[in-house]
Amino acid sequence: MTSRFKNQSPQQLALLTAFTSSAIVAFILFAVSKVSEGVDISNWGLVVVFVVVFTISFLANYFFIRYYIYRKIKLIYKVIHRHKLTTDFKAGKMKMSGNILDEVDNEVDLWAEERTRELEALEKLAAYRRRFIGDVSHELKTPIFNIQGFIHTLLDGALNDPEVNVMYLQRAAKNADRLEAIVEDLETINKLESGQMILDLREFDIRELTDEVFSDLEIKARERNIRLTYKEGANQHFRVRADKETIRQVLINLVHNSIKYGREGGTTKVSFYDMDAYLLLEVSDNGIGIQPEHLPHVFDRFYRVDKSRSRDVGGTGLGLSIVKHIMEAHKQTINVRSNVGQGSTFGLTLEKA
């Protein structure tokens, strides 16, 4: 009974209140007419009294309930709505036949859920920004510190020493190149994230592009005695539709990483798998692998699984992040799976032509 009363609309509540008030007044008059000899009210008189009291009570209750609810709801809507209230709402026009309070309650709940999600998103963005700023400053600090050290040493007299001056200048230039590479990679990521980089989608043979990448990285692979090859049975020619140069960048990064972090004397294999409308391309190595706790973060900016070794082999720490953004720009996916001591496999999808 209580729940049914709570779920009444304002209009129903006004009707119920008016009916109750009229019934009570009519009953009182009827009782008085029976008890008091001087008071005689006919049945039609009671009906007239009932109707009059009912009408007056309904209008009064309807007005006050409407006015009360309107003022309360207006305050709530001013808080939870980002836009100005509509003209109808300002004029006090509300649908009194519906369950207004339940509707407002639902809107407040939805508003609270949205604010909670926004706060969580803002907290994540703030944490990401702090981490990113810390990572950038850390990555830039090392080459800047090295350049300063070499230049100041030269200015302090080493410039006139033929045994070290050229060597120090070469080292300073190497660190300047590293700074330039970091800035260029950050600029690339910014263009990809902001949508400023326009993809030149065209059809091409992905096997031929991979051959070109193998040729470009052959010398680096030979330095570590790593063989670049295709997986047997998964080395067919496929035509895909994508931005050829950015996909070239993706392949260079993945194959180069497999050379840098693979086992010396090992193998890097590229495989193609037909997925009907899409092609699955995988780059695998038999290197040291990646620990499970690092797998969710390999595409993060500046994330390094082995920081000491990563600095030794070079790189900006942004390569895989750029790869992920390129694939997202193509509306395709990239993932990684790895077993420690057995190697890693990076897989990406491409749209078939």
Protein backbone atom coordinates (compact mmCIF):
# COMPACT_ATOMS: atom_id res chain seq x y z
CA MET A 1 0.00 0.00 0.00
CA THR A 2 2.80 2.40 0.92
CA SER A 3 4.73 1.65 -2.30
CA ARG A 4 1.57 2.21 -4.38
CA PHE A 5 1.05 5.57 -2.68
CA LYS A 6 4.65 6.57 -3.36
CA ASN A 7 4.32 5.69 -7.04
CA GLN A 8 1.30 7.95 -7.63
CA SER A 9 1.64 10.76 -10.15
CA PRO A 10 0.99 14.33 -8.92
CA GLN A 11 -2.33 14.33 -10.77
CA GLN A 12 -3.38 11.05 -9.17
CA LEU A 13 -2.24 12.30 -5.78
CA ALA A 14 -4.38 15.45 -6.15
CA LEU A 15 -7.40 13.36 -7.16
CA LEU A 16 -6.88 10.97 -4.25
CA THR A 17 -6.55 13.83 -1.76
CA ALA A 18 -9.61 15.61 -3.15
CA PHE A 19 -11.72 12.45 -3.07
CA THR A 20 -10.67 11.71 0.51
CA SER A 21 -11.41 15.26 1.66
CA SER A 22 -14.82 15.31 -0.06
CA ALA A 23 -15.77 11.92 1.34
CA ILE A 24 -14.84 13.01 4.87
CA VAL A 25 -16.87 16.26 4.58
CA ALA A 26 -19.87 14.44 3.12
CA PHE A 27 -19.71 11.76 5.85
CA ILE A 28 -19.52 14.42 8.56
CA LEU A 29 -22.55 16.25 7.15
CA PHE A 30 -24.44 13.00 6.80
CA ALA A 31 -23.65 12.07 10.41
CA VAL A 32 -24.65 15.52 11.66
CA SER A 33 -27.95 15.33 9.77
CA LYS A 34 -28.76 12.04 11.46
CA VAL A 35 -27.78 13.14 14.94
CA SER A 36 -29.11 16.71 14.95
CA GLU A 37 -32.89 17.11 14.59
CA GLY A 38 -32.60 20.66 13.21
CA VAL A 39 -30.28 19.68 10.35
CA ASP A 40 -31.80 17.87 7.42
CA ILE A 41 -29.65 17.32 4.31
CA SER A 42 -31.00 15.35 1.40
CA ASN A 43 -28.99 12.88 -0.64
CA TRP A 44 -28.80 15.35 -3.52
CA GLY A 45 -27.50 17.96 -1.14
CA LEU A 46 -24.74 15.61 -0.04
CA VAL A 47 -23.86 14.96 -3.69
CA VAL A 48 -23.68 18.68 -4.39
CA VAL A 49 -21.49 19.25 -1.33
CA PHE A 50 -19.28 16.33 -2.35
CA VAL A 51 -18.83 17.68 -5.88
CA VAL A 52 -18.11 21.24 -4.72
CA VAL A 53 -15.64 20.15 -2.04
CA PHE A 54 -14.05 17.69 -4.44
CA THR A 55 -13.56 20.34 -7.14
CA ILE A 56 -12.18 22.97 -4.77
CA SER A 57 -9.93 20.43 -3.04
CA PHE A 58 -8.65 19.01 -6.33
CA LEU A 59 -7.79 22.42 -7.79
CA ALA A 60 -6.12 23.56 -4.57
CA ASN A 61 -4.11 20.37 -4.15
CA TYR A 62 -3.25 20.26 -7.86
CA PHE A 63 -1.94 23.83 -7.72
CA PHE A 64 0.07 23.45 -4.52
CA ILE A 65 1.50 20.05 -5.44
CA ARG A 66 2.42 21.35 -8.89
CA TYR A 67 3.98 24.51 -7.45
CA TYR A 68 5.89 22.62 -4.78
CA ILE A 69 7.21 19.93 -7.15
CA TYR A 70 8.06 22.48 -9.84
CA ARG A 71 10.21 24.54 -7.46
CA LYS A 72 12.04 21.47 -6.16
CA ILE A 73 12.60 19.96 -9.61
CA LYS A 74 13.72 23.30 -11.04
CA LEU A 75 16.51 23.49 -8.44
CA ILE A 76 17.58 19.90 -9.22
CA TYR A 77 17.60 20.50 -12.98
CA LYS A 78 19.60 23.69 -12.55
CA VAL A 79 22.29 21.60 -10.88
CA ILE A 80 22.36 18.52 -13.12
CA HIS A 81 21.66 20.05 -16.55
CA ARG A 82 24.50 21.70 -18.42
CA HIS A 83 22.17 23.58 -20.76
CA LYS A 84 19.68 26.31 -19.87
CA LEU A 85 16.20 25.17 -18.95
CA THR A 86 13.66 25.10 -21.75
CA THR A 87 11.05 27.84 -22.10
CA ASP A 88 8.24 25.39 -21.28
CA PHE A 89 9.99 24.35 -18.09
CA LYS A 90 10.60 27.97 -17.08
CA ALA A 91 6.90 28.60 -17.59
CA GLY A 92 6.10 25.80 -15.18
CA LYS A 93 4.67 23.48 -17.81
CA MET A 94 5.07 19.93 -16.56
CA LYS A 95 3.32 16.68 -17.36
CA MET A 96 1.47 16.10 -14.11
CA SER A 97 -0.01 12.82 -15.33
CA GLY A 98 3.38 11.06 -15.28
CA ASN A 99 5.48 9.94 -12.35
CA ILE A 100 7.63 13.06 -12.28
CA LEU A 101 9.58 12.27 -9.11
CA ASP A 102 10.66 8.86 -10.38
CA GLU A 103 11.76 10.43 -13.65
CA VAL A 104 13.79 13.04 -11.80
CA ASP A 105 15.25 10.35 -9.54
CA ASN A 106 16.36 8.38 -12.60
CA GLU A 107 17.87 11.47 -14.19
CA VAL A 108 19.79 12.27 -11.01
CA ASP A 109 21.11 8.70 -10.89
CA LEU A 110 22.21 8.92 -14.53
CA TRP A 111 23.78 12.32 -13.87
CA ALA A 112 25.68 10.93 -10.87
CA GLU A 113 26.92 7.95 -12.92
CA GLU A 114 28.10 10.25 -15.72
CA ARG A 115 29.94 12.49 -13.27
CA THR A 116 31.58 9.42 -11.69
CA ARG A 117 32.72 8.19 -15.10
CA GLU A 118 34.00 11.66 -15.99
CA LEU A 119 35.95 11.90 -12.73
CA GLU A 120 37.47 8.47 -13.28
CA ALA A 121 38.43 9.41 -16.84
CA LEU A 122 39.93 12.71 -15.63
CA GLU A 123 41.91 10.91 -12.94
CA LYS A 124 43.27 8.46 -15.52
CA LEU A 125 44.17 11.33 -17.86
CA ALA A 126 45.87 13.22 -15.04
CA ALA A 127 47.87 10.14 -14.04
CA TYR A 128 48.77 9.49 -17.69
CA ARG A 129 49.82 13.13 -18.15
CA ARG A 130 52.02 13.05 -15.05
CA ARG A 131 53.63 9.81 -16.17
CA PHE A 132 54.07 11.08 -19.71
CA ILE A 133 55.67 14.37 -18.61
CA GLY A 134 57.98 12.43 -16.30
CA ASP A 135 58.91 10.03 -19.11
CA VAL A 136 59.56 12.82 -21.62
CA SER A 137 61.70 14.80 -19.19
CA HIS A 138 63.63 11.65 -18.30
CA GLU A 139 64.22 10.69 -21.94
CA LEU A 140 65.29 14.22 -22.91
CA LYS A 141 67.47 14.72 -19.86
CA THR A 142 70.07 12.09 -20.78
CA PRO A 143 71.02 13.36 -24.28
CA ILE A 144 70.85 17.01 -23.14
CA PHE A 145 73.13 16.24 -20.19
CA ASN A 146 75.56 14.40 -22.47
CA ILE A 147 75.63 17.22 -25.03
CA GLN A 148 76.25 19.77 -22.28
CA GLY A 149 79.07 17.67 -20.86
CA PHE A 150 80.85 17.25 -24.19
CA ILE A 151 80.47 20.91 -25.20
CA HIS A 152 81.61 22.29 -21.84
CA THR A 153 84.58 19.91 -21.85
CA LEU A 154 85.56 21.17 -25.30
CA LEU A 155 85.16 24.81 -24.20
CA ASP A 156 87.31 24.16 -21.14
CA GLY A 157 90.29 23.29 -23.36
CA ALA A 158 89.62 19.90 -24.94
CA LEU A 159 88.81 21.68 -28.22
CA ASN A 160 92.55 22.11 -28.78
CA ASP A 161 93.29 18.46 -28.02
CA PRO A 162 93.25 16.59 -31.35
CA GLU A 163 92.91 13.25 -29.59
CA VAL A 164 89.48 14.00 -28.09
CA ASN A 165 87.94 17.01 -29.85
CA VAL A 166 86.56 15.14 -32.86
CA MET A 167 85.41 12.22 -30.68
CA TYR A 168 83.54 14.56 -28.31
CA LEU A 169 81.93 16.39 -31.22
CA GLN A 170 80.81 13.07 -32.71
CA ARG A 171 79.30 11.99 -29.38
CA ALA A 172 77.54 15.35 -28.99
CA ALA A 173 76.18 15.02 -32.54
CA LYS A 174 74.95 11.48 -31.77
CA ASN A 175 73.02 12.72 -28.75
CA ALA A 176 71.63 15.63 -30.78
CA ASP A 177 70.40 13.09 -33.34
CA ARG A 178 68.72 11.17 -30.53
CA LEU A 179 66.96 14.36 -29.38
CA GLU A 180 65.77 14.99 -32.91
CA ALA A 181 64.47 11.41 -33.22
CA ILE A 182 62.49 11.75 -29.96
CA VAL A 183 60.93 15.04 -31.07
CA GLU A 184 60.05 13.63 -34.51
CA ASP A 185 58.45 10.54 -32.97
CA LEU A 186 56.45 12.68 -30.55
CA GLU A 187 55.31 14.84 -33.46
CA THR A 188 54.27 11.73 -35.39
CA ILE A 189 52.22 10.44 -32.45
CA ASN A 190 50.59 13.85 -32.03
CA LYS A 191 49.58 13.92 -35.72
CA LEU A 192 48.16 10.41 -35.50
CA GLU A 193 46.21 11.14 -32.31
CA SER A 194 44.83 14.46 -33.56
CA GLY A 195 43.90 13.06 -36.97
CA GLN A 196 46.23 15.48 -38.80
CA MET A 197 48.00 12.65 -40.61
CA ILE A 198 46.02 11.76 -43.72
CA LEU A 199 46.40 8.17 -44.86
CA ASP A 200 47.04 7.53 -48.55
CA LEU A 201 45.09 4.31 -48.93
CA ARG A 202 46.04 2.25 -51.97
CA GLU A 203 46.43 -1.38 -53.06
CA PHE A 204 49.84 -3.06 -52.87
CA ASP A 205 51.49 -6.45 -52.41
CA ILE A 206 52.33 -6.91 -48.74
CA ARG A 207 54.84 -9.68 -49.50
CA GLU A 208 56.79 -7.36 -51.82
CA LEU A 209 56.79 -4.62 -49.17
CA THR A 210 58.10 -7.12 -46.59
CA ASP A 211 60.88 -8.12 -49.01
CA GLU A 212 61.89 -4.45 -49.20
CA VAL A 213 61.94 -4.19 -45.40
CA PHE A 214 64.08 -7.35 -45.16
CA SER A 215 66.49 -5.82 -47.68
CA ASP A 216 66.70 -2.55 -45.72
CA LEU A 217 67.45 -4.35 -42.43
CA GLU A 218 69.69 -7.08 -43.81
CA ILE A 219 72.91 -5.48 -42.60
CA LYS A 220 71.58 -5.02 -39.04
CA ALA A 221 70.37 -8.64 -39.01
CA ARG A 222 73.76 -9.86 -40.24
CA GLU A 223 75.50 -8.00 -37.38
CA ARG A 224 73.66 -10.24 -34.91
CA ASN A 225 73.63 -13.28 -37.17
CA ILE A 226 69.83 -13.28 -37.31
CA ARG A 227 68.09 -14.80 -40.31
CA LEU A 228 65.12 -12.94 -41.82
CA THR A 229 62.67 -15.35 -43.43
CA TYR A 230 59.03 -16.32 -43.95
CA LYS A 231 57.18 -19.03 -42.11
CA GLU A 232 56.83 -22.09 -44.29
CA GLY A 233 53.29 -22.48 -45.62
CA ALA A 234 52.32 -18.91 -44.66
CA ASN A 235 54.38 -16.91 -47.13
CA GLN A 236 51.91 -16.28 -49.98
CA HIS A 237 51.48 -13.04 -51.87
CA PHE A 238 48.49 -10.95 -50.76
CA ARG A 239 47.26 -7.58 -51.93
CA VAL A 240 46.06 -5.26 -49.20
CA ARG A 241 44.55 -1.79 -49.04
CA ALA A 242 46.40 0.55 -46.70
CA ASP A 243 48.83 3.46 -46.50
CA LYS A 244 51.95 1.80 -47.86
CA GLU A 245 54.54 4.08 -46.25
CA THR A 246 53.06 3.95 -42.75
CA ILE A 247 52.73 0.16 -43.00
CA ARG A 248 56.38 0.10 -44.12
CA GLN A 249 57.16 2.03 -40.91
CA VAL A 250 55.21 -0.56 -38.90
CA LEU A 251 57.10 -3.49 -40.47
CA ILE A 252 60.48 -1.81 -40.08
CA ASN A 253 59.79 -1.18 -36.41
CA LEU A 254 58.59 -4.73 -35.68
CA VAL A 255 61.36 -6.46 -37.65
CA HIS A 256 64.02 -4.10 -36.26
CA ASN A 257 62.80 -4.79 -32.70
CA SER A 258 63.00 -8.54 -33.32
CA ILE A 259 66.61 -8.05 -34.42
CA LYS A 260 67.52 -5.82 -31.47
CA TYR A 261 65.88 -7.94 -28.78
CA GLY A 262 66.04 -11.37 -30.40
CA ARG A 263 68.56 -14.06 -29.55
CA GLU A 264 71.87 -13.69 -31.40
CA GLY A 265 72.04 -16.33 -34.11
CA GLY A 266 68.24 -16.64 -34.03
CA THR A 267 65.49 -16.20 -36.60
CA THR A 268 62.86 -13.59 -37.41
CA LYS A 269 59.88 -14.96 -39.32
CA VAL A 270 57.02 -13.15 -41.03
CA SER A 271 53.75 -14.99 -41.68
CA PHE A 272 50.58 -14.18 -43.62
CA TYR A 273 47.20 -15.75 -42.83
CA ASP A 274 44.05 -15.36 -44.91
CA MET A 275 41.11 -14.16 -42.77
CA ASP A 276 38.54 -13.74 -45.55
CA ALA A 277 38.15 -9.93 -45.77
CA TYR A 278 41.31 -9.33 -43.75
CA LEU A 279 44.90 -10.48 -43.62
CA LEU A 280 46.71 -11.42 -40.42
CA LEU A 281 50.42 -10.53 -40.53
CA GLU A 282 52.70 -11.86 -37.79
CA VAL A 283 56.32 -11.06 -36.97
CA SER A 284 57.89 -13.72 -34.72
CA ASP A 285 61.29 -14.27 -33.17
CA ASN A 286 62.85 -16.93 -30.97
CA GLY A 287 64.45 -14.46 -28.57
CA ILE A 288 64.28 -13.99 -24.83
CA GLY A 289 60.55 -13.18 -24.78
CA ILE A 290 58.61 -10.74 -22.62
CA GLN A 291 57.47 -11.31 -19.04
CA PRO A 292 53.64 -11.51 -18.64
CA GLU A 293 53.50 -8.41 -16.42
CA HIS A 294 55.08 -6.32 -19.19
CA LEU A 295 52.81 -7.46 -22.04
CA PRO A 296 49.92 -5.01 -21.33
CA HIS A 297 52.35 -2.07 -21.50
CA VAL A 298 54.58 -2.80 -24.51
CA PHE A 299 52.67 -0.26 -26.64
CA ASP A 300 52.90 2.51 -24.02
CA ARG A 301 55.06 5.53 -24.73
CA PHE A 302 58.63 5.22 -23.47
CA TYR A 303 57.88 1.85 -21.89
CA ARG A 304 60.95 -0.36 -21.85
CA VAL A 305 60.94 -3.97 -20.72
CA ASP A 306 64.70 -4.00 -20.16
CA LYS A 307 65.71 -0.37 -19.62
CA SER A 308 69.47 -0.94 -19.48
CA ARG A 309 69.54 -3.03 -22.65
CA SER A 310 67.10 -0.72 -24.45
CA ARG A 311 69.41 2.24 -23.96
CA ASP A 312 72.38 0.21 -25.19
CA VAL A 313 70.68 -0.76 -28.46
CA GLY A 314 69.25 2.73 -29.02
CA GLY A 315 65.77 3.84 -29.99
CA THR A 316 63.43 6.47 -28.61
CA GLY A 317 61.05 4.15 -26.75
CA LEU A 318 58.18 5.42 -28.93
CA GLY A 319 58.34 2.94 -31.82
CA LEU A 320 55.66 0.51 -30.66
CA SER A 321 53.42 3.36 -29.57
CA ILE A 322 53.64 4.79 -33.10
CA VAL A 323 52.92 1.32 -34.52
CA LYS A 324 49.76 1.06 -32.40
CA HIS A 325 48.56 4.52 -33.46
CA ILE A 326 49.17 3.73 -37.14
CA MET A 327 47.10 0.55 -36.89
CA GLU A 328 44.33 2.40 -35.03
CA ALA A 329 44.35 5.05 -37.78
CA HIS A 330 43.76 2.20 -40.24
CA LYS A 331 40.94 0.97 -37.93
CA GLN A 332 42.83 -2.30 -37.55
CA THR A 333 44.25 -4.19 -34.56
CA ILE A 334 47.69 -5.13 -33.28
CA ASN A 335 48.54 -7.46 -30.41
CA VAL A 336 51.45 -9.33 -28.89
CA ARG A 337 51.92 -12.73 -27.33
CA SER A 338 55.13 -13.99 -25.79
CA ASN A 339 56.71 -16.74 -23.72
CA VAL A 340 59.84 -16.07 -21.71
CA GLY A 341 62.76 -17.89 -23.26
CA GLN A 342 60.82 -18.84 -26.39
CA GLY A 343 60.28 -15.54 -28.17
CA SER A 344 57.58 -13.01 -29.06
CA THR A 345 55.01 -12.64 -31.83
CA PHE A 346 53.43 -9.37 -32.91
CA GLY A 347 50.26 -9.77 -34.98
CA LEU A 348 48.38 -7.12 -36.94
CA THR A 349 45.42 -7.13 -39.31
CA LEU A 350 45.11 -5.43 -42.70
CA GLU A 351 42.20 -5.01 -45.07
CA LYS A 352 42.55 -7.19 -48.17
CA ALA A 353 42.22 -5.50 -51.54
